[in-house]
């Protein structure tokens, strides 16, 4: 669901979705924000940028983070082996 919403609601490309980390969607205290801060390596072209998230995307990310013990320093879409994406 999160990957779908990142594409549909946020308008991200596959490369950008694959590069999303928790640091890009949360503040310094670890709380989710309403903005994705794309880094240069994650975006098309030579500059990063900010993409606003819909309420349902923020809620889906909150649900994903609550449903799994996911380290902050890895991809936001990380799934352990043989685990389906939510």
PDB file of N, CA and C in Angstrom:
ATOM      1  N   UNK A   1       0.811  -1.187   0.000  1.00  0.00           N
ATOM      2  CA  UNK A   1       0.000   0.000   0.000  1.00  0.00           C
ATOM      3  C   UNK A   1       0.865   1.266   0.000  1.00  0.00           C
ATOM      4  N   UNK A   2       1.940   1.259   0.806  1.00  0.00           N
ATOM      5  CA  UNK A   2       2.797   2.434   0.897  1.00  0.00           C
ATOM      6  C   UNK A   2       3.451   2.736  -0.449  1.00  0.00           C
ATOM      7  N   UNK A   3       3.963   1.709  -1.126  1.00  0.00           N
ATOM      8  CA  UNK A   3       4.594   1.934  -2.431  1.00  0.00           C
ATOM      9  C   UNK A   3       3.595   2.522  -3.413  1.00  0.00           C
ATOM     10  N   UNK A   4       2.382   2.019  -3.418  1.00  0.00           N
ATOM     11  CA  UNK A   4       1.332   2.526  -4.301  1.00  0.00           C
ATOM     12  C   UNK A   4       1.056   4.006  -4.000  1.00  0.00           C
ATOM     13  N   UNK A   5       0.920   4.346  -2.729  1.00  0.00           N
ATOM     14  CA  UNK A   5       0.628   5.729  -2.351  1.00  0.00           C
ATOM     15  C   UNK A   5       1.803   6.664  -2.639  1.00  0.00           C
ATOM     16  N   UNK A   6       3.033   6.176  -2.493  1.00  0.00           N
ATOM     17  CA  UNK A   6       4.187   7.002  -2.844  1.00  0.00           C
ATOM     18  C   UNK A   6       4.166   7.346  -4.327  1.00  0.00           C
ATOM     19  N   UNK A   7       3.692   6.421  -5.142  1.00  0.00           N
ATOM     20  CA  UNK A   7       3.607   6.664  -6.577  1.00  0.00           C
ATOM     21  C   UNK A   7       2.403   7.544  -6.925  1.00  0.00           C
ATOM     22  N   UNK A   8       1.237   7.163  -6.442  1.00  0.00           N
ATOM     23  CA  UNK A   8       0.003   7.864  -6.818  1.00  0.00           C
ATOM     24  C   UNK A   8      -0.151   9.214  -6.115  1.00  0.00           C
ATOM     25  N   UNK A   9      -0.037   9.225  -4.788  1.00  0.00           N
ATOM     26  CA  UNK A   9      -0.267  10.462  -4.033  1.00  0.00           C
ATOM     27  C   UNK A   9       0.905  11.429  -4.090  1.00  0.00           C
ATOM     28  N   UNK A  10       2.134  10.893  -4.000  1.00  0.00           N
ATOM     29  CA  UNK A  10       3.303  11.770  -3.977  1.00  0.00           C
ATOM     30  C   UNK A  10       3.915  11.968  -5.362  1.00  0.00           C
ATOM     31  N   UNK A  11       3.544  11.120  -6.323  1.00  0.00           N
ATOM     32  CA  UNK A  11       4.049  11.272  -7.680  1.00  0.00           C
ATOM     33  C   UNK A  11       5.512  10.882  -7.850  1.00  0.00           C
ATOM     34  N   UNK A  12       5.998   9.996  -6.992  1.00  0.00           N
ATOM     35  CA  UNK A  12       7.398   9.597  -7.074  1.00  0.00           C
ATOM     36  C   UNK A  12       7.624   8.537  -8.144  1.00  0.00           C
ATOM     37  N   UNK A  13       8.822   8.549  -8.704  1.00  0.00           N
ATOM     38  CA  UNK A  13       9.243   7.531  -9.676  1.00  0.00           C
ATOM     39  C   UNK A  13       9.780   6.313  -8.925  1.00  0.00           C
ATOM     40  N   UNK A  14       9.941   5.203  -9.630  1.00  0.00           N
ATOM     41  CA  UNK A  14      10.402   3.955  -9.011  1.00  0.00           C
ATOM     42  C   UNK A  14      11.737   4.142  -8.296  1.00  0.00           C
ATOM     43  N   UNK A  15      12.690   4.828  -8.928  1.00  0.00           N
ATOM     44  CA  UNK A  15      14.001   5.056  -8.309  1.00  0.00           C
ATOM     45  C   UNK A  15      13.856   5.855  -7.026  1.00  0.00           C
ATOM     46  N   UNK A  16      12.989   6.844  -7.030  1.00  0.00           N
ATOM     47  CA  UNK A  16      12.790   7.669  -5.845  1.00  0.00           C
ATOM     48  C   UNK A  16      12.143   6.860  -4.726  1.00  0.00           C
ATOM     49  N   UNK A  17      11.168   6.037  -5.074  1.00  0.00           N
ATOM     50  CA  UNK A  17      10.501   5.193  -4.078  1.00  0.00           C
ATOM     51  C   UNK A  17      11.497   4.229  -3.453  1.00  0.00           C
ATOM     52  N   UNK A  18      12.338   3.629  -4.269  1.00  0.00           N
ATOM     53  CA  UNK A  18      13.321   2.659  -3.779  1.00  0.00           C
ATOM     54  C   UNK A  18      14.369   3.310  -2.874  1.00  0.00           C
ATOM     55  N   UNK A  19      14.563   4.604  -3.003  1.00  0.00           N
ATOM     56  CA  UNK A  19      15.586   5.304  -2.234  1.00  0.00           C
ATOM     57  C   UNK A  19      15.079   5.925  -0.937  1.00  0.00           C
ATOM     58  N   UNK A  20      13.779   5.896  -0.707  1.00  0.00           N
ATOM     59  CA  UNK A  20      13.204   6.527   0.484  1.00  0.00           C
ATOM     60  C   UNK A  20      13.717   5.848   1.750  1.00  0.00           C
ATOM     61  N   UNK A  21      14.177   6.666   2.703  1.00  0.00           N
ATOM     62  CA  UNK A  21      14.573   6.167   4.020  1.00  0.00           C
ATOM     63  C   UNK A  21      13.718   6.879   5.070  1.00  0.00           C
ATOM     64  N   UNK A  22      13.736   6.344   6.289  1.00  0.00           N
ATOM     65  CA  UNK A  22      12.952   6.976   7.360  1.00  0.00           C
ATOM     66  C   UNK A  22      13.437   8.389   7.636  1.00  0.00           C
ATOM     67  N   UNK A  23      14.733   8.651   7.459  1.00  0.00           N
ATOM     68  CA  UNK A  23      15.261   9.999   7.681  1.00  0.00           C
ATOM     69  C   UNK A  23      14.644  11.014   6.728  1.00  0.00           C
ATOM     70  N   UNK A  24      14.235  10.575   5.552  1.00  0.00           N
ATOM     71  CA  UNK A  24      13.639  11.488   4.567  1.00  0.00           C
ATOM     72  C   UNK A  24      12.201  11.853   4.898  1.00  0.00           C
ATOM     73  N   UNK A  25      11.553  11.065   5.749  1.00  0.00           N
ATOM     74  CA  UNK A  25      10.139  11.316   6.048  1.00  0.00           C
ATOM     75  C   UNK A  25       9.898  11.634   7.522  1.00  0.00           C
ATOM     76  N   UNK A  26      10.963  11.781   8.315  1.00  0.00           N
ATOM     77  CA  UNK A  26      10.787  12.083   9.727  1.00  0.00           C
ATOM     78  C   UNK A  26      11.690  13.222  10.153  1.00  0.00           C
ATOM     79  N   UNK A  27      11.355  13.820  11.297  1.00  0.00           N
ATOM     80  CA  UNK A  27      12.178  14.910  11.819  1.00  0.00           C
ATOM     81  C   UNK A  27      13.291  14.341  12.699  1.00  0.00           C
ATOM     82  N   UNK A  28      14.048  15.212  13.338  1.00  0.00           N
ATOM     83  CA  UNK A  28      15.202  14.792  14.136  1.00  0.00           C
ATOM     84  C   UNK A  28      14.815  13.918  15.325  1.00  0.00           C
ATOM     85  N   UNK A  29      13.579  14.042  15.798  1.00  0.00           N
ATOM     86  CA  UNK A  29      13.135  13.234  16.936  1.00  0.00           C
ATOM     87  C   UNK A  29      12.509  11.919  16.497  1.00  0.00           C
ATOM     88  N   UNK A  30      12.398  11.697  15.189  1.00  0.00           N
ATOM     89  CA  UNK A  30      11.844  10.447  14.670  1.00  0.00           C
ATOM     90  C   UNK A  30      10.368  10.480  14.357  1.00  0.00           C
ATOM     91  N   UNK A  31       9.725  11.629  14.563  1.00  0.00           N
ATOM     92  CA  UNK A  31       8.301  11.749  14.237  1.00  0.00           C
ATOM     93  C   UNK A  31       8.124  11.979  12.740  1.00  0.00           C
ATOM     94  N   UNK A  32       7.112  11.335  12.170  1.00  0.00           N
ATOM     95  CA  UNK A  32       6.851  11.524  10.745  1.00  0.00           C
ATOM     96  C   UNK A  32       6.435  12.960  10.465  1.00  0.00           C
ATOM     97  N   UNK A  33       6.891  13.474   9.336  1.00  0.00           N
ATOM     98  CA  UNK A  33       6.508  14.814   8.900  1.00  0.00           C
ATOM     99  C   UNK A  33       5.503  14.682   7.758  1.00  0.00           C
ATOM    100  N   UNK A  34       5.090  15.787   7.207  1.00  0.00           N
ATOM    101  CA  UNK A  34       4.180  15.743   6.059  1.00  0.00           C
ATOM    102  C   UNK A  34       4.928  15.984   4.750  1.00  0.00           C
ATOM    103  N   UNK A  35       6.252  15.890   4.804  1.00  0.00           N
ATOM    104  CA  UNK A  35       7.092  16.164   3.640  1.00  0.00           C
ATOM    105  C   UNK A  35       8.145  15.084   3.461  1.00  0.00           C
ATOM    106  N   UNK A  36       8.371  14.686   2.217  1.00  0.00           N
ATOM    107  CA  UNK A  36       9.481  13.799   1.880  1.00  0.00           C
ATOM    108  C   UNK A  36      10.617  14.694   1.406  1.00  0.00           C
ATOM    109  N   UNK A  37      11.760  14.593   2.044  1.00  0.00           N
ATOM    110  CA  UNK A  37      12.929  15.372   1.646  1.00  0.00           C
ATOM    111  C   UNK A  37      13.821  14.485   0.793  1.00  0.00           C
ATOM    112  N   UNK A  38      13.682  14.613  -0.514  1.00  0.00           N
ATOM    113  CA  UNK A  38      14.466  13.790  -1.442  1.00  0.00           C
ATOM    114  C   UNK A  38      15.894  14.293  -1.521  1.00  0.00           C
ATOM    115  N   UNK A  39      16.823  13.376  -1.386  1.00  0.00           N
ATOM    116  CA  UNK A  39      18.235  13.704  -1.533  1.00  0.00           C
ATOM    117  C   UNK A  39      18.596  13.656  -3.007  1.00  0.00           C
ATOM    118  N   UNK A  40      19.720  14.234  -3.351  1.00  0.00           N
ATOM    119  CA  UNK A  40      20.165  14.275  -4.741  1.00  0.00           C
ATOM    120  C   UNK A  40      20.249  12.872  -5.327  1.00  0.00           C
ATOM    121  N   UNK A  41      20.800  11.924  -4.563  1.00  0.00           N
ATOM    122  CA  UNK A  41      20.949  10.560  -5.074  1.00  0.00           C
ATOM    123  C   UNK A  41      19.605   9.876  -5.328  1.00  0.00           C
ATOM    124  N   UNK A  42      18.531  10.373  -4.706  1.00  0.00           N
ATOM    125  CA  UNK A  42      17.222   9.748  -4.839  1.00  0.00           C
ATOM    126  C   UNK A  42      16.358  10.397  -5.914  1.00  0.00           C
ATOM    127  N   UNK A  43      16.747  11.564  -6.383  1.00  0.00           N
ATOM    128  CA  UNK A  43      15.882  12.286  -7.308  1.00  0.00           C
ATOM    129  C   UNK A  43      16.419  12.276  -8.732  1.00  0.00           C
ATOM    130  N   UNK A  44      15.569  12.668  -9.640  1.00  0.00           N
ATOM    131  CA  UNK A  44      15.970  12.791 -11.035  1.00  0.00           C
ATOM    132  C   UNK A  44      16.688  14.129 -11.183  1.00  0.00           C
ATOM    133  N   UNK A  45      17.776  14.131 -11.869  1.00  0.00           N
ATOM    134  CA  UNK A  45      18.518  15.368 -12.067  1.00  0.00           C
ATOM    135  C   UNK A  45      19.571  15.574 -10.999  1.00  0.00           C
ATOM    136  N   UNK A  46      20.006  16.826 -10.850  1.00  0.00           N
ATOM    137  CA  UNK A  46      21.129  17.110  -9.965  1.00  0.00           C
ATOM    138  C   UNK A  46      20.735  17.818  -8.677  1.00  0.00           C
ATOM    139  N   UNK A  47      19.450  17.849  -8.372  1.00  0.00           N
ATOM    140  CA  UNK A  47      19.053  18.484  -7.119  1.00  0.00           C
ATOM    141  C   UNK A  47      17.973  17.657  -6.441  1.00  0.00           C
ATOM    142  N   UNK A  48      17.967  17.716  -5.145  1.00  0.00           N
ATOM    143  CA  UNK A  48      16.936  17.024  -4.369  1.00  0.00           C
ATOM    144  C   UNK A  48      15.661  17.848  -4.402  1.00  0.00           C
ATOM    145  N   UNK A  49      14.859  17.687  -3.406  1.00  0.00           N
ATOM    146  CA  UNK A  49      13.648  18.470  -3.352  1.00  0.00           C
ATOM    147  C   UNK A  49      12.741  18.002  -2.234  1.00  0.00           C
ATOM    148  N   UNK A  50      11.629  18.697  -2.091  1.00  0.00           N
ATOM    149  CA  UNK A  50      10.645  18.350  -1.075  1.00  0.00           C
ATOM    150  C   UNK A  50       9.338  17.995  -1.764  1.00  0.00           C
ATOM    151  N   UNK A  51       8.721  16.919  -1.305  1.00  0.00           N
ATOM    152  CA  UNK A  51       7.439  16.471  -1.845  1.00  0.00           C
ATOM    153  C   UNK A  51       6.483  16.346  -0.673  1.00  0.00           C
ATOM    154  N   UNK A  52       5.349  17.010  -0.761  1.00  0.00           N
ATOM    155  CA  UNK A  52       4.365  16.936   0.319  1.00  0.00           C
ATOM    156  C   UNK A  52       3.599  15.628   0.249  1.00  0.00           C
ATOM    157  N   UNK A  53       3.332  15.041   1.417  1.00  0.00           N
ATOM    158  CA  UNK A  53       2.613  13.765   1.493  1.00  0.00           C
ATOM    159  C   UNK A  53       1.157  14.000   1.855  1.00  0.00           C
ATOM    160  N   UNK A  54       0.294  13.180   1.284  1.00  0.00           N
ATOM    161  CA  UNK A  54      -1.122  13.234   1.635  1.00  0.00           C
ATOM    162  C   UNK A  54      -1.319  12.664   3.031  1.00  0.00           C
ATOM    163  N   UNK A  55      -2.450  12.965   3.611  1.00  0.00           N
ATOM    164  CA  UNK A  55      -2.768  12.451   4.952  1.00  0.00           C
ATOM    165  C   UNK A  55      -2.790  10.926   4.943  1.00  0.00           C
ATOM    166  N   UNK A  56      -3.352  10.329   3.884  1.00  0.00           N
ATOM    167  CA  UNK A  56      -3.427   8.866   3.856  1.00  0.00           C
ATOM    168  C   UNK A  56      -2.052   8.231   3.677  1.00  0.00           C
ATOM    169  N   UNK A  57      -1.114   8.908   3.010  1.00  0.00           N
ATOM    170  CA  UNK A  57       0.251   8.394   2.891  1.00  0.00           C
ATOM    171  C   UNK A  57       0.958   8.449   4.243  1.00  0.00           C
ATOM    172  N   UNK A  58       0.804   9.553   4.962  1.00  0.00           N
ATOM    173  CA  UNK A  58       1.401   9.660   6.296  1.00  0.00           C
ATOM    174  C   UNK A  58       0.844   8.567   7.203  1.00  0.00           C
ATOM    175  N   UNK A  59      -0.460   8.345   7.151  1.00  0.00           N
ATOM    176  CA  UNK A  59      -1.082   7.310   7.976  1.00  0.00           C
ATOM    177  C   UNK A  59      -0.580   5.917   7.596  1.00  0.00           C
ATOM    178  N   UNK A  60      -0.398   5.671   6.300  1.00  0.00           N
ATOM    179  CA  UNK A  60       0.109   4.367   5.851  1.00  0.00           C
ATOM    180  C   UNK A  60       1.540   4.152   6.329  1.00  0.00           C
ATOM    181  N   UNK A  61       2.366   5.194   6.291  1.00  0.00           N
ATOM    182  CA  UNK A  61       3.734   5.082   6.790  1.00  0.00           C
ATOM    183  C   UNK A  61       3.749   4.852   8.301  1.00  0.00           C
ATOM    184  N   UNK A  62       2.856   5.524   9.022  1.00  0.00           N
ATOM    185  CA  UNK A  62       2.756   5.311  10.469  1.00  0.00           C
ATOM    186  C   UNK A  62       2.374   3.863  10.761  1.00  0.00           C
ATOM    187  N   UNK A  63       1.419   3.339  10.016  1.00  0.00           N
ATOM    188  CA  UNK A  63       0.997   1.946  10.197  1.00  0.00           C
ATOM    189  C   UNK A  63       2.133   0.980   9.883  1.00  0.00           C
ATOM    190  N   UNK A  64       2.875   1.255   8.805  1.00  0.00           N
ATOM    191  CA  UNK A  64       3.993   0.396   8.428  1.00  0.00           C
ATOM    192  C   UNK A  64       5.061   0.387   9.512  1.00  0.00           C
ATOM    193  N   UNK A  65       5.389   1.555  10.004  1.00  0.00           N
ATOM    194  CA  UNK A  65       6.426   1.643  11.040  1.00  0.00           C
ATOM    195  C   UNK A  65       5.965   0.973  12.336  1.00  0.00           C
ATOM    196  N   UNK A  66       4.686   1.093  12.669  1.00  0.00           N
ATOM    197  CA  UNK A  66       4.162   0.487  13.898  1.00  0.00           C
ATOM    198  C   UNK A  66       4.068  -1.033  13.795  1.00  0.00           C
ATOM    199  N   UNK A  67       3.904  -1.549  12.586  1.00  0.00           N
ATOM    200  CA  UNK A  67       3.692  -2.987  12.413  1.00  0.00           C
ATOM    201  C   UNK A  67       4.982  -3.798  12.328  1.00  0.00           C
ATOM    202  N   UNK A  68       6.125  -3.131  12.239  1.00  0.00           N
ATOM    203  CA  UNK A  68       7.392  -3.859  12.093  1.00  0.00           C
ATOM    204  C   UNK A  68       8.503  -3.122  12.828  1.00  0.00           C
ATOM    205  N   UNK A  69       9.420  -3.870  13.373  1.00  0.00           N
ATOM    206  CA  UNK A  69      10.589  -3.281  14.022  1.00  0.00           C
ATOM    207  C   UNK A  69      11.630  -3.022  12.945  1.00  0.00           C
ATOM    208  N   UNK A  70      11.600  -1.843  12.363  1.00  0.00           N
ATOM    209  CA  UNK A  70      12.464  -1.509  11.240  1.00  0.00           C
ATOM    210  C   UNK A  70      13.513  -0.493  11.700  1.00  0.00           C
ATOM    211  N   UNK A  71      14.797  -0.801  11.552  1.00  0.00           N
ATOM    212  CA  UNK A  71      15.831   0.173  11.911  1.00  0.00           C
ATOM    213  C   UNK A  71      15.678   1.448  11.089  1.00  0.00           C
ATOM    214  N   UNK A  72      15.974   2.592  11.683  1.00  0.00           N
ATOM    215  CA  UNK A  72      15.802   3.874  11.005  1.00  0.00           C
ATOM    216  C   UNK A  72      16.752   4.099   9.846  1.00  0.00           C
ATOM    217  N   UNK A  73      17.906   3.451   9.852  1.00  0.00           N
ATOM    218  CA  UNK A  73      18.919   3.765   8.852  1.00  0.00           C
ATOM    219  C   UNK A  73      18.789   2.972   7.559  1.00  0.00           C
ATOM    220  N   UNK A  74      17.721   2.205   7.407  1.00  0.00           N
ATOM    221  CA  UNK A  74      17.535   1.465   6.164  1.00  0.00           C
ATOM    222  C   UNK A  74      16.295   1.961   5.444  1.00  0.00           C
ATOM    223  N   UNK A  75      16.085   1.466   4.268  1.00  0.00           N
ATOM    224  CA  UNK A  75      14.975   1.902   3.441  1.00  0.00           C
ATOM    225  C   UNK A  75      13.654   1.816   4.185  1.00  0.00           C
ATOM    226  N   UNK A  76      12.816   2.804   3.968  1.00  0.00           N
ATOM    227  CA  UNK A  76      11.493   2.828   4.592  1.00  0.00           C
ATOM    228  C   UNK A  76      10.637   1.669   4.098  1.00  0.00           C
ATOM    229  N   UNK A  77      10.985   1.106   2.967  1.00  0.00           N
ATOM    230  CA  UNK A  77      10.191   0.019   2.404  1.00  0.00           C
ATOM    231  C   UNK A  77      10.847  -1.334   2.620  1.00  0.00           C
ATOM    232  N   UNK A  78      11.825  -1.400   3.499  1.00  0.00           N
ATOM    233  CA  UNK A  78      12.517  -2.664   3.809  1.00  0.00           C
ATOM    234  C   UNK A  78      11.535  -3.701   4.318  1.00  0.00           C
ATOM    235  N   UNK A  79      11.663  -4.890   3.820  1.00  0.00           N
ATOM    236  CA  UNK A  79      10.876  -6.021   4.319  1.00  0.00           C
ATOM    237  C   UNK A  79      11.835  -7.183   4.512  1.00  0.00           C
ATOM    238  N   UNK A  80      11.763  -7.869   5.639  1.00  0.00           N
ATOM    239  CA  UNK A  80      12.613  -9.051   5.819  1.00  0.00           C
ATOM    240  C   UNK A  80      12.344 -10.077   4.711  1.00  0.00           C
ATOM    241  N   UNK A  81      13.287 -10.944   4.460  1.00  0.00           N
ATOM    242  CA  UNK A  81      13.140 -11.951   3.416  1.00  0.00           C
ATOM    243  C   UNK A  81      11.843 -12.728   3.581  1.00  0.00           C
ATOM    244  N   UNK A  82      11.210 -12.990   2.453  1.00  0.00           N
ATOM    245  CA  UNK A  82       9.973 -13.755   2.385  1.00  0.00           C
ATOM    246  C   UNK A  82       8.791 -13.097   3.088  1.00  0.00           C
ATOM    247  N   UNK A  83       8.861 -11.795   3.291  1.00  0.00           N
ATOM    248  CA  UNK A  83       7.758 -11.058   3.891  1.00  0.00           C
ATOM    249  C   UNK A  83       7.129 -10.178   2.792  1.00  0.00           C
ATOM    250  N   UNK A  84       5.836 -10.238   2.598  1.00  0.00           N
ATOM    251  CA  UNK A  84       5.205  -9.400   1.563  1.00  0.00           C
ATOM    252  C   UNK A  84       5.157  -7.948   1.983  1.00  0.00           C
ATOM    253  N   UNK A  85       5.182  -7.043   0.998  1.00  0.00           N
ATOM    254  CA  UNK A  85       4.995  -5.635   1.290  1.00  0.00           C
ATOM    255  C   UNK A  85       3.567  -5.418   1.726  1.00  0.00           C
ATOM    256  N   UNK A  86       3.379  -4.460   2.608  1.00  0.00           N
ATOM    257  CA  UNK A  86       2.040  -4.163   3.119  1.00  0.00           C
ATOM    258  C   UNK A  86       1.323  -3.259   2.150  1.00  0.00           C
TER     259      UNK A  86
END
